[in-house]
Protein backbone atom coordinates (compact mmCIF):
# COMPACT_ATOMS: atom_id res chain seq x y z
CA MET A 1 159.86 208.91 183.41
CA ARG A 2 157.25 206.74 181.70
CA LEU A 3 154.50 209.02 183.02
CA VAL A 4 156.31 212.11 181.73
CA SER A 5 156.82 210.45 178.36
CA LEU A 6 153.13 209.48 178.18
CA ILE A 7 152.00 213.01 179.05
CA ALA A 8 154.34 214.43 176.40
CA THR A 9 152.98 212.01 173.80
CA ILE A 10 149.39 212.91 174.63
CA SER A 11 150.23 216.62 174.53
CA VAL A 12 151.73 216.29 171.05
CA ALA A 13 148.70 214.34 169.83
CA VAL A 14 146.31 216.95 171.18
CA ALA A 15 148.35 219.78 169.69
CA THR A 16 148.47 218.23 166.23
CA ALA A 17 144.74 217.50 166.30
CA TYR A 18 143.80 221.06 167.23
CA VAL A 19 141.34 222.71 164.89
CA PRO A 20 140.99 226.50 165.08
CA PRO A 21 137.40 227.32 166.10
CA ASN A 22 136.86 229.49 163.03
CA MET A 23 137.73 226.55 160.77
CA GLU A 24 135.08 224.11 162.02
CA LEU A 25 132.13 223.34 159.75
CA PRO A 26 129.16 225.50 160.83
CA SER A 27 126.17 223.83 162.49
CA SER A 28 124.16 224.87 159.43
CA TRP A 29 126.34 222.76 157.14
CA THR A 30 124.51 220.64 154.57
CA ASP A 31 125.81 218.42 151.80
CA VAL A 32 126.72 220.55 148.79
CA THR A 33 127.83 217.75 146.48
CA GLN A 34 124.45 217.29 144.77
CA THR A 35 123.97 220.91 143.73
CA GLN A 36 124.50 221.93 140.12
CA LEU A 37 127.35 224.29 139.25
CA THR A 38 127.75 226.14 135.98
CA PRO A 39 131.31 226.31 134.58
CA LEU A 40 132.24 229.84 133.52
CA GLU A 41 134.38 230.44 130.45
CA PHE A 42 136.34 233.64 129.96
CA ARG A 43 137.36 235.16 126.63
CA SER A 44 139.87 237.90 126.08
CA GLU A 45 138.48 241.29 125.06
CA ALA A 46 139.91 240.81 121.56
CA ALA A 47 138.29 237.38 121.17
CA SER A 48 134.97 238.71 122.45
CA ALA A 49 135.05 241.54 119.94
CA LEU A 50 135.93 239.23 117.04
CA GLU A 51 133.35 236.60 117.95
CA GLY A 52 130.69 239.08 119.00
CA LYS A 53 130.23 237.25 122.28
CA ASP A 54 130.35 238.22 125.94
CA ASP A 55 133.53 238.13 128.00
CA VAL A 56 131.93 235.54 130.29
CA SER A 57 129.88 232.59 129.03
CA GLU A 58 128.28 229.61 130.72
CA ALA A 59 128.76 225.94 129.88
CA ALA A 60 126.50 223.00 130.69
CA CYS A 61 125.82 222.46 134.39
CA ILE A 62 127.63 219.70 136.28
CA ASP A 63 127.13 218.43 139.81
CA ALA A 64 129.38 219.76 142.56
CA ALA A 65 130.66 216.27 143.42
CA SER A 66 132.18 216.03 139.94
CA VAL A 67 133.68 219.52 140.28
CA ILE A 68 135.26 218.56 143.60
CA ARG A 69 136.70 215.34 142.13
CA GLN A 70 137.95 217.20 139.05
CA HIS A 71 139.85 219.77 141.08
CA SER A 72 141.03 217.53 143.88
CA GLY A 73 144.75 217.15 144.35
CA SER A 74 146.28 214.12 146.04
CA LEU A 75 145.03 215.40 149.41
CA GLY A 76 141.85 217.27 148.55
CA CYS A 77 140.71 220.64 147.28
CA ILE A 78 139.80 224.10 148.48
CA ALA A 79 136.67 225.95 147.33
CA PHE A 80 136.32 229.72 147.59
CA ALA A 81 132.74 230.97 147.88
CA VAL A 82 133.20 234.54 146.64
CA ARG A 83 130.96 237.26 148.12
CA ARG A 84 131.61 239.74 145.33
CA PRO A 85 134.42 239.53 142.76
CA GLY A 86 136.47 242.73 143.05
CA GLU A 87 146.16 234.78 145.33
CA ASP A 88 148.59 232.51 145.62
CA LYS A 89 149.10 229.08 144.03
CA PRO A 90 147.16 226.17 145.52
CA LEU A 91 148.76 224.56 148.54
CA ASP A 92 150.74 221.42 147.74
CA GLY A 93 148.42 218.47 147.29
CA PHE A 94 145.27 220.60 147.04
CA GLY A 95 143.40 221.80 143.98
CA LEU A 96 141.54 225.08 143.99
CA PHE A 97 138.32 226.42 142.46
CA GLY A 98 135.80 229.16 143.19
CA VAL A 99 132.05 229.70 143.06
CA VAL A 100 130.16 232.95 142.48
CA LYS A 101 126.47 233.75 142.94
CA GLU A 102 125.69 235.49 139.67
CA VAL A 103 126.85 236.52 136.23
CA GLY A 104 125.54 239.11 133.82
CA VAL A 105 125.55 241.87 136.44
CA ASP A 106 129.17 243.00 136.23
CA ASP A 107 130.89 240.67 133.78
CA PRO A 108 133.83 243.06 133.16
CA GLY A 109 134.46 243.07 136.92
CA LEU A 110 134.17 239.27 137.02
CA TYR A 111 136.56 239.03 134.09
CA ASP A 112 139.09 241.26 135.88
CA PHE A 113 138.68 239.23 139.07
CA TYR A 114 139.44 236.03 137.19
CA ASN A 115 142.25 237.52 135.14
CA ASP A 116 144.04 239.51 137.84
CA TYR A 117 143.29 237.90 141.20
CA PHE A 118 141.85 234.40 140.91
CA THR A 119 143.11 232.53 137.86
CA TYR A 120 141.49 229.25 138.83
CA PRO A 121 138.30 227.61 137.54
CA LEU A 122 135.12 229.48 138.48
CA TYR A 123 131.57 228.15 138.64
CA LYS A 124 128.20 229.82 139.11
CA ASP A 125 126.29 228.50 142.11
CA GLU A 126 122.87 229.71 141.00
CA SER A 127 121.05 227.99 143.86
CA GLN A 128 123.60 229.43 146.33
CA THR A 129 123.91 226.01 147.98
CA PHE A 130 127.51 226.66 149.02
CA TYR A 131 126.48 229.95 150.64
CA THR A 132 123.52 228.32 152.39
CA ALA A 133 125.80 225.60 153.77
CA LEU A 134 128.02 228.34 155.16
CA GLY A 135 125.03 229.79 156.99
CA THR A 136 123.74 232.44 154.55
CA ARG A 137 125.43 235.02 156.73
CA LYS A 138 124.85 238.63 155.72
CA LEU A 139 126.82 241.78 156.18
CA ALA A 140 125.77 243.67 159.27
CA ILE A 141 126.73 247.00 160.77
CA SER A 142 128.62 246.27 163.97
CA THR A 143 128.63 249.84 165.18
CA TRP A 144 126.81 253.10 164.56
CA ASN A 145 129.70 255.11 165.96
CA PRO A 146 130.66 257.31 162.97
CA ILE A 147 134.32 257.47 164.04
CA LYS A 148 134.62 253.68 164.27
CA MET A 149 132.76 253.25 160.97
CA PHE A 150 135.10 255.69 159.24
CA ARG A 151 138.18 254.02 160.70
CA GLY A 152 136.95 250.58 159.64
CA MET A 153 136.29 251.70 156.06
CA ARG A 154 139.61 253.52 155.91
CA ASN A 155 141.55 250.49 157.18
CA MET A 156 139.81 248.19 154.70
CA SER A 157 140.54 250.63 151.88
CA LYS A 158 144.20 250.73 152.89
CA ARG A 159 144.44 246.93 152.85
CA LEU A 160 142.89 246.74 149.37
CA SER A 161 145.11 249.53 148.05
CA LYS A 162 148.20 247.83 149.47
CA LYS A 163 147.28 244.68 147.55
CA ASN A 164 146.44 246.73 144.44
CA ILE A 165 142.83 245.51 144.55
CA SER A 166 140.03 247.71 143.33
CA GLY A 167 136.30 247.04 143.41
CA ASN A 168 132.82 248.44 142.96
CA TYR A 169 129.37 247.98 144.45
CA LYS A 170 127.70 246.17 141.57
CA GLY A 171 125.92 242.90 142.14
CA GLU A 172 124.77 241.11 145.27
CA GLY A 173 127.30 241.87 147.99
CA ILE A 174 125.36 241.16 151.18
CA VAL A 175 125.52 237.37 151.53
CA GLN A 176 128.99 236.49 152.76
CA GLY A 177 131.17 233.75 151.35
CA GLY A 178 133.99 231.68 152.75
CA ILE A 179 136.50 228.93 152.16
CA ILE A 180 135.64 225.22 152.24
CA ILE A 181 138.28 222.52 152.48
CA PHE A 182 137.47 219.05 151.17
CA ASP A 183 139.54 215.93 151.76
CA ALA A 184 140.69 213.56 149.02
CA ALA A 185 137.39 211.64 149.27
CA GLY A 186 135.44 214.82 148.49
CA LYS A 187 134.09 215.22 152.01
CA ALA A 188 133.87 218.73 153.46
CA ARG A 189 136.08 218.82 156.54
CA PHE A 190 136.72 222.45 157.38
CA ALA A 191 135.25 225.81 156.53
CA TYR A 192 136.12 229.43 157.16
CA ARG A 193 133.19 231.84 157.07
CA GLU A 194 134.08 235.25 155.75
CA GLU A 195 134.43 238.10 158.23
CA THR A 196 134.21 241.21 156.09
CA GLY A 197 136.95 243.68 156.93
CA SER A 198 139.19 240.98 158.43
CA GLU A 199 142.13 239.26 156.80
CA VAL A 200 141.73 235.61 155.80
CA PRO A 201 143.29 233.52 158.64
CA VAL A 202 146.06 232.00 156.54
CA GLU A 203 147.76 230.36 159.53
CA ASP A 204 144.54 228.61 160.55
CA ILE A 205 143.95 227.37 157.01
CA VAL A 206 147.51 226.03 156.87
CA ALA A 207 146.93 224.31 160.23
CA VAL A 208 143.92 222.32 159.04
CA VAL A 209 145.54 221.60 155.68
CA ASN A 210 148.49 220.14 157.57
CA GLU A 211 146.06 217.91 159.48
CA LEU A 212 144.76 216.52 156.20
CA LYS A 213 148.33 216.02 155.00
CA LYS A 214 149.09 213.97 158.14
CA GLU A 215 145.97 211.91 157.55
CA GLY A 216 147.04 211.26 153.96
CA LYS A 217 150.48 210.12 155.07
CA SER A 218 149.10 207.82 157.78
CA GLN A 219 146.65 206.23 155.36
CA SER A 220 149.32 205.63 152.72
CA SER A 221 151.82 204.12 155.18
């Protein structure tokens, strides 16, 4: 019986420590905390017209470590590296912010993205350090079969339409983004690298977030 109990205990420990392969930090990962991020400020169309200013403006740069601390919840924070702007509330205990590669190319689209889909703080990562840490992965054609290509585009269009998301082809849309999960100390622990055309693996993200929650509880007890 003791042996069975021991095996069961080990099995539970292994199960709770499991990290989905697509959530591990890539081998290319480098420290992003020293890079400079530019806070983006958004004005309503009415305010922009009255003030004679753009919808999107940039504030003074701050280092990413400060951004991570600023947006960290009791357990950490989640950073979205957005490939191209085009939703839910942050998970309990985690703050949320996003980074984009550029502004001034399609500011109305960026404004709509912020207003309609991602109403959390956004920063410009001009040096693309977050994207480099994720591997600077670029969109690639996986098949030249015209039928498969058509089906893939049609399925992606259906998913976007179902979510009432529209988009365009303005701006840099080749370098892929992802999701980075930092712990309460500001250390990057997990990362999902975008797979264009595939849904974000919500269950896997919840799994690693739960791991950090368990760590937080064990450290506080």
